[in-house]
Amino acid sequence: MELYTFLRELADSWALLAMTVFFLGVVVWVFRPGVRAVHDDISQIPFRNETLPTCENACPDCKNGGACKTIKFEVQ
């Protein structure tokens, strides 16, 4: 038996089975019970350390309910 034929048979059978088991294991691990809090915490990472925008000059646009053009974001 040639090496190529052996490796081809291995890839067609056992390697495919191993990759399928690995994929199903990852899916089960991601959707396991009790991990919702962790996923919610991770989803909020981009919004951490961010303060709300404030208007520096109390401009007329803000007083009339319009969009403020002088908003500055501060990152802590």
Protein backbone atom coordinates (compact mmCIF):
# COMPACT_ATOMS: atom_id res chain seq x y z
CA MET A 1 0.00 0.00 0.00
CA GLU A 2 1.37 3.37 -0.92
CA LEU A 3 1.68 6.12 1.61
CA TYR A 4 -0.70 8.37 -0.32
CA THR A 5 -3.40 5.69 -0.40
CA PHE A 6 -3.02 5.06 3.32
CA LEU A 7 -3.21 8.76 4.18
CA ARG A 8 -6.21 9.20 1.88
CA GLU A 9 -8.08 6.36 3.61
CA LEU A 10 -7.17 7.78 7.01
CA ALA A 11 -8.39 11.24 6.06
CA ASP A 12 -11.62 9.85 4.59
CA SER A 13 -12.50 7.86 7.68
CA TRP A 14 -10.87 8.57 11.04
CA ALA A 15 -9.83 12.18 10.46
CA LEU A 16 -13.35 13.04 9.29
CA LEU A 17 -14.78 11.35 12.37
CA ALA A 18 -12.32 13.18 14.65
CA MET A 19 -13.15 16.58 13.10
CA THR A 20 -16.88 15.90 13.43
CA VAL A 21 -16.52 14.94 17.10
CA PHE A 22 -14.38 18.03 17.72
CA PHE A 23 -16.97 20.30 16.03
CA LEU A 24 -19.85 18.80 18.01
CA GLY A 25 -17.83 19.14 21.22
CA VAL A 26 -17.22 22.84 20.56
CA VAL A 27 -20.92 23.41 19.84
CA VAL A 28 -21.94 21.65 23.07
CA TRP A 29 -19.30 23.58 25.05
CA VAL A 30 -20.49 26.96 23.71
CA PHE A 31 -24.18 26.28 24.38
CA ARG A 32 -23.76 24.51 27.73
CA PRO A 33 -26.19 25.44 30.51
CA GLY A 34 -25.20 28.23 32.87
CA VAL A 35 -22.88 30.09 30.49
CA ARG A 36 -25.35 32.86 29.58
CA ALA A 37 -23.91 35.26 32.18
CA VAL A 38 -20.41 34.82 30.77
CA HIS A 39 -21.60 35.48 27.22
CA ASP A 40 -23.55 38.56 28.32
CA ASP A 41 -20.45 39.91 30.08
CA ILE A 42 -18.27 39.27 27.03
CA SER A 43 -20.79 40.98 24.73
CA GLN A 44 -20.48 44.19 26.76
CA ILE A 45 -16.68 44.51 26.44
CA PRO A 46 -16.80 47.19 23.69
CA PHE A 47 -18.99 49.40 25.89
CA ARG A 48 -16.92 49.28 29.08
CA ASN A 49 -15.08 52.41 30.23
CA GLU A 50 -17.31 54.62 28.14
CA THR A 51 -19.05 57.67 29.57
CA LEU A 52 -22.19 59.22 28.24
CA PRO A 53 -21.75 62.18 25.90
CA THR A 54 -22.10 65.58 27.52
CA CYS A 55 -22.74 68.94 25.96
CA GLU A 56 -20.00 71.37 26.90
CA ASN A 57 -21.81 74.62 26.15
CA ALA A 58 -25.49 73.75 26.71
CA CYS A 59 -26.03 74.75 23.10
CA PRO A 60 -29.40 75.84 21.70
CA ASP A 61 -29.74 72.60 19.79
CA CYS A 62 -29.79 70.67 23.05
CA LYS A 63 -32.30 73.02 24.64
CA ASN A 64 -34.70 72.64 21.70
CA GLY A 65 -34.46 68.87 21.62
CA GLY A 66 -32.21 68.74 18.55
CA ALA A 67 -28.94 66.93 18.06
CA CYS A 68 -25.97 68.50 19.79
CA LYS A 69 -23.02 69.23 17.52
CA THR A 70 -20.47 69.77 20.29
CA ILE A 71 -20.61 66.38 21.99
CA LYS A 72 -17.27 64.96 23.07
CA PHE A 73 -16.79 61.39 24.22
CA GLU A 74 -14.48 60.77 27.13
CA VAL A 75 -12.71 57.46 27.62
CA GLN A 76 -11.61 56.68 31.13
